[in-house]
Amino acid sequence: MTTPDFFRARLDAMIDLRHPLAVLATRMPWDEIESALAPCFARKDRQGRPIEGLDLFGPTLQVAGAGTSPAGRPRLPIRLMVGLLYLKHAFGESDETVVQRWAENPYWQFFCGGEYFETRLPCDPSGLTRFRRALGDAGVEELLAKTIETAVSLKAIAPKDLERVIVDSTVQEKAIAFPTDSRLLDVARRKLVLIAKRAGLVLRQTFEKEGRSLKRRAGGYAHAKQYRRLRRVLKRQRTILGRVMRDLERHLPTLADGMKEIATLWLERARRIHTQRPKDKNKLYALHAPEVECIGKGKARQPYEFGVKVGIATTEKGNLIVGARAFPGNPYDGHTLAEQIEQATILMQDVKGAPKPHTAIVDLGYRGVEVPGVEIIHRGRIKSLSAQARRLLKRRQAVEPVIGHLKDDCGLRRNWLKGSEGDVLHPVLCAAGYNLRWLMRAVARLGLKALFALWLLVGMLGRVLSDNAARPSGWRLEAAN
């Protein structure tokens, strides 16, 4: 509790406490979340590094940078940062816009643990980036698990409903441009020229003017379907990229160690772009994101998507997400089923009275695999399915709108987080944001039911009193006695 401030307005006096977000602010297990995430932010002892000094008695050896440093400002409250992550993905915001809307919305501030209305930003947007990195894979899964526990504690979903799950896969696209050969070659050339400029090197030729012209011509030839001319332009782009690469490699021995490592890294990526051909495997589709993969899901409107495969597990009743996991390497869907069910089991293990998932409803992409202790239902086994399994199979399509809402409302359509670590964290956070929206709808639904029951009770009581008033006074006195 903070010290009372008579010059600022309290949030609980400004907002409607029946609002779903205000109800969730009091029903979420914030203490459990803070205790589970606190070890991620504990100050750690730093390993010292030996440095040599020189004094009157000769060379000495000292250890610098050891121990635990109390320097720096204290960390922001965990509940504040966790609440911002929940709100960011529940309402499809970016790191910059979520902190701006927090300063304007009293309901958001109340959800994040505030007591008085604040007009300043809660943190710098870059603080959310460092907070996500500190959480790691286990931390964001803890956020998703707490939404499942809250759904059960609110009685919005029964524990027995967690024993049947629907599993499907989708593609989480990376925030990259469409990887045409012409653009990749031009980007690699410009990147190497920029590195040389930062290192203070003077290349023999940068091909800046010719590079712009070739890029423009390649786009025109591709649009006009003049592929022979397009191949000649691509050949010239590879030629000038190779000349820039060899020129930079000749200067590598003269660079400092730090800049030499950076130049070597980008030279390796540029070499992959220079040598790859259209039919090659393990191609590089983005110079800044080498982890991007080309995935084909058989869609007529979008034959290829560039990102990482993601598995989603929802409950058979209620469509609550109980698992979200990235699967790099573009594996076969069936080979991801065991890991997906394992993650769902781990996330639900702290839910009181929740059984382990024993039924998985999937599509034909998961056929041909077996998971011990789990019944797999799909259309390929329709002749051998029981009547109950056939009824459950009709619920499989319920996961499709869930994936659509994840992409359109919670930010799964495009991943802006950096590297393979961002590919792992982003789908779990999007699932946590979806569950928060699910909980808000459940609170509104349960609140309406409570008001309806109260209205019925008041109506019945009113009718009883009116009937009692209409009877003779002696009967009322006898009934009272």
Protein backbone atom coordinates (compact mmCIF):
# COMPACT_ATOMS: atom_id res chain seq x y z
CA MET A 1 0.00 0.00 0.00
CA THR A 2 1.17 3.49 -0.83
CA THR A 3 0.87 6.61 1.29
CA PRO A 4 -2.55 8.31 0.86
CA ASP A 5 -2.39 11.22 -1.56
CA PHE A 6 -5.21 13.78 -1.24
CA PHE A 7 -4.17 15.63 -4.40
CA ARG A 8 -4.64 12.75 -6.85
CA ALA A 9 -7.69 10.74 -7.80
CA ARG A 10 -7.84 7.11 -6.76
CA LEU A 11 -8.43 4.67 -9.59
CA ASP A 12 -11.06 2.64 -7.76
CA ALA A 13 -13.13 5.83 -7.43
CA MET A 14 -12.77 6.69 -11.12
CA ILE A 15 -13.67 3.40 -12.81
CA ASP A 16 -16.55 0.95 -12.85
CA LEU A 17 -15.38 -1.95 -10.68
CA ARG A 18 -17.76 -4.26 -12.58
CA HIS A 19 -15.71 -3.80 -15.75
CA PRO A 20 -14.20 -7.16 -16.83
CA LEU A 21 -10.65 -5.80 -16.71
CA ALA A 22 -11.22 -4.42 -13.21
CA VAL A 23 -12.62 -7.78 -12.08
CA LEU A 24 -9.60 -9.61 -13.50
CA ALA A 25 -7.29 -7.19 -11.68
CA THR A 26 -8.61 -8.64 -8.42
CA ARG A 27 -8.91 -12.27 -9.53
CA MET A 28 -5.58 -12.89 -11.25
CA PRO A 29 -2.99 -14.65 -9.01
CA TRP A 30 -0.55 -11.74 -8.98
CA ASP A 31 1.31 -12.93 -5.87
CA GLU A 32 1.97 -16.31 -7.45
CA ILE A 33 3.13 -14.68 -10.67
CA GLU A 34 5.56 -12.39 -8.83
CA SER A 35 6.97 -15.22 -6.71
CA ALA A 36 7.42 -17.43 -9.79
CA LEU A 37 9.15 -14.73 -11.84
CA ALA A 38 11.23 -13.13 -9.07
CA PRO A 39 14.22 -15.52 -9.54
CA CYS A 40 14.55 -14.30 -13.14
CA PHE A 41 15.35 -10.79 -11.90
CA ALA A 42 17.52 -11.53 -8.87
CA ARG A 43 20.88 -9.79 -8.90
CA LYS A 44 23.61 -12.23 -9.83
CA ASP A 45 27.26 -12.25 -8.87
CA ARG A 46 29.48 -11.23 -11.74
CA GLN A 47 32.68 -13.03 -12.56
CA GLY A 48 35.65 -10.75 -12.26
CA ARG A 49 38.26 -10.34 -14.96
CA PRO A 50 41.99 -10.16 -14.18
CA ILE A 51 43.74 -6.95 -15.15
CA GLU A 52 47.42 -6.19 -14.91
CA GLY A 53 48.62 -3.04 -13.23
CA LEU A 54 51.97 -1.41 -12.69
CA ASP A 55 53.13 0.38 -9.56
CA LEU A 56 56.41 1.16 -7.79
CA PHE A 57 56.90 -2.49 -6.82
CA GLY A 58 56.41 -3.88 -10.33
CA PRO A 59 53.49 -5.52 -12.18
CA THR A 60 50.44 -6.50 -10.10
CA LEU A 61 47.34 -8.57 -10.80
CA GLN A 62 43.92 -7.31 -9.76
CA VAL A 63 40.36 -8.57 -10.24
CA ALA A 64 37.87 -6.02 -11.57
CA GLY A 65 34.11 -6.22 -11.92
CA ALA A 66 33.49 -8.99 -9.37
CA GLY A 67 30.64 -9.33 -6.89
CA THR A 68 27.12 -7.93 -6.88
CA SER A 69 26.79 -4.31 -7.89
CA PRO A 70 24.13 -2.16 -6.16
CA ALA A 71 24.49 0.48 -8.87
CA GLY A 72 21.59 1.47 -11.07
CA ARG A 73 18.00 2.35 -10.36
CA PRO A 74 15.68 -0.32 -8.89
CA ARG A 75 13.61 -2.48 -11.16
CA LEU A 76 10.02 -1.63 -11.98
CA PRO A 77 7.31 -3.75 -10.30
CA ILE A 78 6.89 -7.18 -11.87
CA ARG A 79 3.12 -6.82 -11.88
CA LEU A 80 3.38 -3.62 -13.92
CA MET A 81 5.57 -5.21 -16.59
CA VAL A 82 3.55 -8.45 -16.70
CA GLY A 83 0.32 -6.46 -16.99
CA LEU A 84 1.76 -4.47 -19.89
CA LEU A 85 2.68 -7.70 -21.70
CA TYR A 86 -0.82 -9.09 -21.15
CA LEU A 87 -2.43 -5.88 -22.43
CA LYS A 88 -0.05 -5.56 -25.37
CA HIS A 89 -1.06 -8.90 -26.85
CA ALA A 90 -4.69 -8.81 -25.73
CA PHE A 91 -5.31 -5.61 -27.67
CA GLY A 92 -2.76 -6.07 -30.47
CA GLU A 93 -0.51 -3.15 -29.51
CA SER A 94 3.20 -2.57 -30.02
CA ASP A 95 5.72 -1.80 -27.28
CA GLU A 96 5.44 1.92 -28.04
CA THR A 97 1.66 2.18 -28.20
CA VAL A 98 0.91 0.02 -25.16
CA VAL A 99 2.79 2.36 -22.81
CA GLN A 100 1.09 5.37 -24.40
CA ARG A 101 -2.39 3.90 -23.99
CA TRP A 102 -1.55 2.90 -20.41
CA ALA A 103 -1.03 6.58 -19.57
CA GLU A 104 -4.48 7.38 -20.98
CA ASN A 105 -6.56 4.45 -19.70
CA PRO A 106 -7.43 4.18 -15.97
CA TYR A 107 -8.66 0.60 -16.41
CA TRP A 108 -5.25 -0.47 -17.72
CA GLN A 109 -3.51 1.23 -14.82
CA PHE A 110 -5.82 -0.48 -12.32
CA PHE A 111 -5.15 -3.84 -13.97
CA CYS A 112 -1.39 -3.29 -13.65
CA GLY A 113 -1.64 -2.59 -9.91
CA GLY A 114 -1.85 1.19 -9.86
CA GLU A 115 -3.71 3.02 -7.08
CA TYR A 116 -3.64 6.59 -8.38
CA PHE A 117 -4.10 7.86 -11.92
CA GLU A 118 -0.77 8.56 -13.64
CA THR A 119 -0.25 10.75 -16.69
CA ARG A 120 3.39 9.79 -17.26
CA LEU A 121 4.55 6.75 -19.21
CA PRO A 122 5.01 3.66 -17.02
CA CYS A 123 8.38 2.77 -18.60
CA ASP A 124 10.43 3.19 -21.71
CA PRO A 125 9.25 0.89 -24.52
CA SER A 126 12.70 -0.70 -24.66
CA GLY A 127 12.15 -1.89 -21.07
CA LEU A 128 9.57 -4.39 -22.35
CA THR A 129 12.20 -5.83 -24.69
CA ARG A 130 14.65 -6.41 -21.85
CA PHE A 131 11.86 -7.76 -19.62
CA ARG A 132 10.86 -10.35 -22.25
CA ARG A 133 14.47 -11.39 -22.67
CA ALA A 134 14.87 -11.82 -18.92
CA LEU A 135 11.69 -13.90 -18.68
CA GLY A 136 12.79 -16.44 -21.26
CA ASP A 137 10.78 -19.41 -22.45
CA ALA A 138 9.85 -20.65 -18.98
CA GLY A 139 8.70 -17.20 -17.83
CA VAL A 140 6.27 -16.57 -20.66
CA GLU A 141 4.86 -20.08 -20.28
CA GLU A 142 4.20 -19.21 -16.63
CA LEU A 143 2.12 -16.24 -17.79
CA LEU A 144 0.07 -18.53 -20.04
CA ALA A 145 -0.38 -21.10 -17.26
CA LYS A 146 -1.76 -18.48 -14.86
CA THR A 147 -4.49 -17.53 -17.33
CA ILE A 148 -5.59 -21.18 -17.40
CA GLU A 149 -5.65 -21.30 -13.60
CA THR A 150 -7.70 -18.10 -13.49
CA ALA A 151 -10.23 -19.53 -15.95
CA VAL A 152 -10.73 -22.57 -13.70
CA SER A 153 -10.87 -20.51 -10.48
CA LEU A 154 -13.55 -18.25 -12.00
CA LYS A 155 -15.49 -21.41 -12.93
CA ALA A 156 -15.56 -20.20 -16.51
CA ILE A 157 -14.38 -23.66 -17.53
CA ALA A 158 -14.59 -26.95 -15.67
CA PRO A 159 -11.40 -28.88 -14.86
CA LYS A 160 -12.75 -31.95 -16.67
CA ASP A 161 -12.93 -29.89 -19.89
CA LEU A 162 -9.11 -29.77 -19.95
CA GLU A 163 -8.79 -33.49 -20.67
CA ARG A 164 -9.71 -33.13 -24.36
CA VAL A 165 -7.67 -30.81 -26.60
CA ILE A 166 -7.76 -29.75 -30.24
CA VAL A 167 -4.32 -29.43 -31.82
CA ASP A 168 -3.47 -27.63 -35.06
CA SER A 169 -0.49 -25.87 -36.61
CA THR A 170 -0.05 -22.55 -38.38
CA VAL A 171 2.77 -20.30 -39.56
CA GLN A 172 4.06 -17.31 -37.63
CA GLU A 173 5.46 -15.03 -40.31
CA LYS A 174 8.57 -12.99 -39.66
CA ALA A 175 8.69 -9.24 -40.25
CA ILE A 176 10.68 -9.45 -43.48
CA ALA A 177 10.13 -8.33 -47.05
CA PHE A 178 9.28 -10.90 -49.70
CA PRO A 179 12.64 -12.57 -50.47
CA THR A 180 13.24 -11.99 -54.18
CA ASP A 181 16.72 -12.85 -55.47
CA SER A 182 17.27 -9.34 -56.83
CA ARG A 183 16.43 -7.68 -53.52
CA LEU A 184 18.57 -10.08 -51.46
CA LEU A 185 21.61 -9.49 -53.68
CA ASP A 186 21.20 -5.72 -53.51
CA VAL A 187 20.67 -5.70 -49.72
CA ALA A 188 23.78 -7.84 -49.20
CA ARG A 189 25.88 -5.48 -51.32
CA ARG A 190 24.63 -2.37 -49.51
CA LYS A 191 25.23 -4.01 -46.11
CA LEU A 192 28.85 -4.83 -46.91
CA VAL A 193 29.43 -1.29 -48.19
CA LEU A 194 27.97 0.10 -44.95
CA ILE A 195 30.23 -2.10 -42.81
CA ALA A 196 33.27 -0.98 -44.77
CA LYS A 197 32.28 2.64 -44.28
CA ARG A 198 31.85 2.18 -40.52
CA ALA A 199 35.26 0.52 -40.32
CA GLY A 200 36.88 3.43 -42.17
CA LEU A 201 37.76 1.36 -45.25
CA VAL A 202 37.81 2.70 -48.79
CA LEU A 203 36.57 0.10 -51.26
CA ARG A 204 37.66 0.14 -54.87
CA GLN A 205 34.08 0.46 -56.06
CA THR A 206 30.71 0.42 -54.26
CA PHE A 207 28.45 0.09 -57.35
CA GLU A 208 25.87 2.33 -55.68
CA LYS A 209 24.44 3.87 -58.85
CA GLU A 210 24.52 0.66 -60.87
CA GLY A 211 22.97 -1.28 -57.95
CA ARG A 212 19.93 1.01 -57.89
CA SER A 213 19.53 0.73 -61.63
CA LEU A 214 19.77 -3.07 -61.62
CA LYS A 215 17.22 -3.36 -58.81
CA ARG A 216 14.75 -1.17 -60.72
CA ARG A 217 15.27 -3.11 -63.96
CA ALA A 218 14.81 -6.45 -62.21
CA GLY A 219 11.45 -5.34 -60.85
CA GLY A 220 10.31 -4.20 -64.29
CA TYR A 221 11.41 -7.40 -66.03
CA ALA A 222 9.74 -9.58 -63.39
CA HIS A 223 6.48 -7.64 -63.73
CA ALA A 224 6.57 -7.96 -67.52
CA LYS A 225 7.51 -11.67 -67.26
CA GLN A 226 10.67 -11.10 -69.32
CA TYR A 227 12.62 -13.78 -67.52
CA ARG A 228 15.59 -13.97 -69.89
CA ARG A 229 16.40 -10.30 -69.30
CA LEU A 230 15.76 -10.82 -65.59
CA ARG A 231 18.35 -13.60 -65.45
CA ARG A 232 20.95 -11.32 -67.07
CA VAL A 233 20.28 -8.65 -64.44
CA LEU A 234 20.60 -11.20 -61.61
CA LYS A 235 23.88 -12.44 -63.06
CA ARG A 236 25.26 -8.90 -63.06
CA GLN A 237 24.08 -8.35 -59.46
CA ARG A 238 25.90 -11.52 -58.35
CA THR A 239 29.02 -10.30 -60.14
CA ILE A 240 29.16 -6.94 -58.38
CA LEU A 241 28.31 -8.53 -55.03
CA GLY A 242 31.25 -10.93 -55.45
CA ARG A 243 33.59 -8.04 -56.24
CA VAL A 244 32.53 -6.14 -53.11
CA MET A 245 32.92 -9.31 -51.01
CA ARG A 246 36.46 -9.99 -52.26
CA ASP A 247 37.42 -6.34 -51.77
CA LEU A 248 36.24 -6.42 -48.14
CA GLU A 249 37.94 -9.77 -47.49
CA ARG A 250 41.28 -8.28 -48.52
CA HIS A 251 40.90 -5.64 -45.78
CA LEU A 252 39.92 -8.09 -43.02
CA PRO A 253 43.47 -8.48 -41.53
CA THR A 254 43.66 -4.72 -40.95
CA LEU A 255 40.45 -4.50 -38.90
CA ALA A 256 40.18 -4.51 -35.11
CA ASP A 257 38.95 -7.66 -33.41
CA GLY A 258 35.39 -6.45 -32.74
CA MET A 259 34.83 -5.05 -36.22
CA LYS A 260 36.52 -8.07 -37.75
CA GLU A 261 33.97 -10.41 -36.13
CA ILE A 262 31.08 -8.29 -37.39
CA ALA A 263 32.48 -8.15 -40.93
CA THR A 264 33.11 -11.91 -40.96
CA LEU A 265 29.51 -12.61 -39.88
CA TRP A 266 27.95 -10.48 -42.60
CA LEU A 267 30.42 -11.77 -45.21
CA GLU A 268 29.31 -15.32 -44.43
CA ARG A 269 25.66 -14.42 -44.90
CA ALA A 270 26.41 -12.49 -48.10
CA ARG A 271 28.31 -15.53 -49.40
CA ARG A 272 25.24 -17.71 -48.84
CA ILE A 273 23.08 -15.28 -50.82
CA HIS A 274 25.72 -15.08 -53.55
CA THR A 275 25.91 -18.85 -54.07
CA GLN A 276 22.28 -19.96 -53.55
CA ARG A 277 20.04 -20.82 -56.48
CA PRO A 278 16.23 -21.10 -56.77
CA LYS A 279 16.11 -24.88 -56.24
CA ASP A 280 18.54 -24.98 -53.32
CA LYS A 281 17.55 -26.11 -49.82
CA ASN A 282 18.30 -24.18 -46.61
CA LYS A 283 18.26 -20.88 -48.43
CA LEU A 284 18.78 -17.56 -46.67
CA TYR A 285 15.56 -15.55 -47.01
CA ALA A 286 16.52 -12.47 -45.00
CA LEU A 287 19.96 -11.03 -44.33
CA HIS A 288 19.05 -9.87 -40.81
CA ALA A 289 16.98 -12.98 -39.92
CA PRO A 290 18.78 -16.18 -40.99
CA GLU A 291 16.35 -18.30 -38.93
CA VAL A 292 13.45 -17.67 -41.35
CA GLU A 293 12.13 -20.76 -43.15
CA CYS A 294 9.92 -21.18 -46.22
CA ILE A 295 6.77 -23.11 -45.27
CA GLY A 296 4.04 -24.22 -47.66
CA LYS A 297 0.66 -25.01 -46.11
CA GLY A 298 -1.24 -25.71 -49.34
CA LYS A 299 -3.13 -22.40 -49.40
CA ALA A 300 -4.20 -21.19 -52.82
CA ARG A 301 -4.15 -17.55 -51.71
CA GLN A 302 -0.65 -17.82 -50.17
CA PRO A 303 1.40 -20.79 -51.40
CA TYR A 304 4.45 -19.96 -49.27
CA GLU A 305 4.89 -18.26 -45.91
CA PHE A 306 8.21 -17.18 -44.45
CA GLY A 307 8.63 -17.64 -40.72
CA VAL A 308 8.39 -20.55 -38.29
CA LYS A 309 5.79 -23.26 -37.69
CA VAL A 310 3.69 -22.87 -34.53
CA GLY A 311 1.48 -25.46 -32.81
CA ILE A 312 -1.72 -24.41 -31.00
CA ALA A 313 -3.69 -26.53 -28.50
CA THR A 314 -7.16 -25.50 -27.32
CA THR A 315 -9.77 -27.13 -25.12
CA GLU A 316 -12.51 -29.10 -26.85
CA LYS A 317 -15.12 -27.05 -24.95
CA GLY A 318 -14.70 -23.32 -24.54
CA ASN A 319 -11.76 -22.78 -26.96
CA LEU A 320 -9.34 -21.79 -24.20
CA ILE A 321 -5.71 -22.02 -25.35
CA VAL A 322 -3.73 -24.49 -23.23
CA GLY A 323 -0.58 -24.68 -25.36
CA ALA A 324 1.38 -22.66 -27.93
CA ARG A 325 4.83 -23.64 -29.12
CA ALA A 326 7.20 -22.84 -31.98
CA PHE A 327 8.74 -25.69 -33.96
CA PRO A 328 11.80 -24.53 -35.93
CA GLY A 329 13.03 -26.62 -38.83
CA ASN A 330 9.59 -27.02 -40.48
CA PRO A 331 8.93 -30.53 -39.09
CA TYR A 332 6.05 -32.77 -40.14
CA ASP A 333 2.93 -31.89 -38.13
CA GLY A 334 2.60 -35.37 -36.69
CA HIS A 335 6.12 -35.25 -35.25
CA THR A 336 5.17 -32.18 -33.17
CA LEU A 337 2.10 -33.71 -31.52
CA ALA A 338 3.91 -35.36 -28.59
CA GLU A 339 5.78 -32.14 -27.70
CA GLN A 340 2.59 -30.09 -27.99
CA ILE A 341 0.65 -32.35 -25.63
CA GLU A 342 3.62 -32.43 -23.26
CA GLN A 343 3.62 -28.63 -23.05
CA ALA A 344 -0.14 -28.55 -22.44
CA THR A 345 0.25 -31.11 -19.65
CA ILE A 346 2.98 -29.04 -17.98
CA LEU A 347 0.95 -25.82 -18.19
CA MET A 348 -2.10 -27.48 -16.61
CA GLN A 349 -0.29 -29.39 -13.87
CA ASP A 350 -0.87 -26.68 -11.24
CA VAL A 351 -4.59 -26.43 -11.95
CA LYS A 352 -6.52 -27.94 -9.06
CA GLY A 353 -8.44 -31.05 -10.13
CA ALA A 354 -7.31 -30.89 -13.76
CA PRO A 355 -6.62 -34.29 -15.39
CA LYS A 356 -3.95 -34.92 -17.98
CA PRO A 357 -5.06 -34.59 -21.61
CA HIS A 358 -6.05 -38.05 -22.84
CA THR A 359 -7.76 -37.13 -26.15
CA ALA A 360 -6.35 -35.09 -29.03
CA ILE A 361 -8.57 -34.07 -31.96
CA VAL A 362 -6.45 -33.27 -35.02
CA ASP A 363 -6.60 -33.01 -38.81
CA LEU A 364 -5.07 -35.33 -41.39
CA GLY A 365 -1.69 -33.63 -41.09
CA TYR A 366 -1.14 -35.55 -37.84
CA ARG A 367 -1.98 -39.04 -39.06
CA GLY A 368 0.50 -41.86 -38.79
CA VAL A 369 1.74 -41.05 -35.27
CA GLU A 370 0.95 -42.45 -31.84
CA VAL A 371 1.32 -40.74 -28.47
CA PRO A 372 1.37 -43.04 -25.40
CA GLY A 373 -1.68 -42.57 -23.21
CA VAL A 374 -3.42 -40.23 -25.65
CA GLU A 375 -6.27 -41.13 -28.01
CA ILE A 376 -5.79 -39.42 -31.37
CA ILE A 377 -8.97 -38.68 -33.34
CA HIS A 378 -8.83 -37.63 -36.98
CA ARG A 379 -10.85 -38.09 -40.15
CA GLY A 380 -8.60 -40.83 -41.49
CA ARG A 381 -9.91 -43.21 -38.81
CA ILE A 382 -13.59 -42.46 -39.38
CA LYS A 383 -14.58 -46.12 -39.97
CA SER A 384 -13.07 -47.33 -36.70
CA LEU A 385 -14.25 -44.43 -34.51
CA SER A 386 -16.96 -44.79 -31.91
CA ALA A 387 -20.10 -42.67 -31.91
CA GLN A 388 -18.68 -40.39 -29.21
CA ALA A 389 -15.41 -39.95 -31.12
CA ARG A 390 -17.35 -39.01 -34.25
CA ARG A 391 -19.20 -36.34 -32.29
CA LEU A 392 -15.90 -35.01 -30.97
CA LEU A 393 -14.45 -34.93 -34.47
CA LYS A 394 -17.07 -32.33 -35.46
CA ARG A 395 -15.45 -29.94 -32.98
CA ARG A 396 -12.06 -29.96 -34.71
CA GLN A 397 -12.86 -26.90 -36.86
CA ALA A 398 -13.32 -24.83 -33.69
CA VAL A 399 -9.55 -24.23 -33.58
CA GLU A 400 -9.56 -22.36 -36.91
CA PRO A 401 -11.28 -19.17 -35.66
CA VAL A 402 -9.00 -19.28 -32.61
CA ILE A 403 -5.98 -19.10 -34.91
CA GLY A 404 -7.66 -16.31 -36.85
CA HIS A 405 -8.21 -14.24 -33.70
CA LEU A 406 -4.62 -14.95 -32.60
CA LYS A 407 -3.35 -13.49 -35.86
CA ASP A 408 -5.74 -10.57 -36.25
CA ASP A 409 -6.27 -9.49 -32.63
CA CYS A 410 -3.20 -10.67 -30.70
CA GLY A 411 -0.32 -10.08 -33.15
CA LEU A 412 0.56 -13.61 -34.26
CA ARG A 413 0.31 -12.71 -37.95
CA ARG A 414 3.67 -10.93 -37.96
CA ASN A 415 6.51 -11.45 -35.50
CA TRP A 416 8.66 -8.38 -34.87
CA LEU A 417 10.82 -9.94 -32.13
CA LYS A 418 14.45 -10.55 -32.99
CA GLY A 419 16.08 -13.90 -33.67
CA SER A 420 15.07 -17.46 -32.92
CA GLU A 421 14.47 -16.46 -29.29
CA GLY A 422 11.74 -14.10 -30.46
CA ASP A 423 10.19 -16.93 -32.50
CA VAL A 424 9.87 -18.96 -29.28
CA LEU A 425 8.53 -16.19 -27.02
CA HIS A 426 6.05 -14.53 -29.37
CA PRO A 427 3.44 -17.31 -29.87
CA VAL A 428 3.23 -18.00 -26.11
CA LEU A 429 2.67 -14.30 -25.37
CA CYS A 430 0.03 -14.09 -28.11
CA ALA A 431 -1.75 -17.08 -26.55
CA ALA A 432 -1.65 -15.39 -23.12
CA GLY A 433 -3.17 -12.25 -24.65
CA TYR A 434 -5.91 -14.33 -26.31
CA ASN A 435 -6.71 -16.00 -22.98
CA LEU A 436 -6.98 -12.59 -21.31
CA ARG A 437 -9.57 -11.56 -23.90
CA TRP A 438 -11.30 -14.90 -23.31
CA LEU A 439 -11.38 -14.22 -19.56
CA MET A 440 -12.84 -10.74 -20.10
CA ARG A 441 -15.67 -12.21 -22.15
CA ALA A 442 -16.21 -14.90 -19.51
CA VAL A 443 -16.40 -12.28 -16.73
CA ALA A 444 -18.97 -10.30 -18.71
CA ARG A 445 -20.96 -13.47 -19.37
CA LEU A 446 -20.87 -14.63 -15.76
CA GLY A 447 -21.68 -11.12 -14.53
CA LEU A 448 -24.75 -10.96 -16.75
CA LYS A 449 -25.87 -14.35 -15.41
CA ALA A 450 -25.47 -13.11 -11.84
CA LEU A 451 -27.48 -9.95 -12.60
CA PHE A 452 -30.16 -12.05 -14.32
CA ALA A 453 -30.38 -14.37 -11.30
CA LEU A 454 -30.62 -11.34 -8.98
CA TRP A 455 -33.36 -9.88 -11.17
CA LEU A 456 -35.28 -13.16 -11.00
CA LEU A 457 -34.89 -13.29 -7.21
CA VAL A 458 -36.09 -9.71 -6.79
CA GLY A 459 -39.02 -10.41 -9.10
CA MET A 460 -40.04 -13.54 -7.21
CA LEU A 461 -39.75 -11.73 -3.87
CA GLY A 462 -41.87 -8.87 -5.21
CA ARG A 463 -44.58 -11.23 -6.40
CA VAL A 464 -44.64 -13.02 -3.04
CA LEU A 465 -44.99 -9.72 -1.16
CA SER A 466 -47.72 -8.50 -3.50
CA ASP A 467 -49.66 -11.76 -3.16
CA ASN A 468 -49.29 -11.60 0.60
CA ALA A 469 -50.57 -8.03 0.63
CA ALA A 470 -53.62 -9.02 -1.45
CA ARG A 471 -54.77 -11.69 1.07
CA PRO A 472 -56.82 -10.93 4.23
CA SER A 473 -54.94 -9.49 7.16
CA GLY A 474 -55.87 -12.41 9.39
CA TRP A 475 -54.26 -14.86 6.98
CA ARG A 476 -51.12 -12.76 6.91
CA LEU A 477 -51.01 -12.69 10.68
CA GLU A 478 -51.59 -16.44 10.86
CA ALA A 479 -48.86 -17.05 8.27
CA ALA A 480 -46.54 -14.79 10.23
CA ASN A 481 -47.28 -16.66 13.44
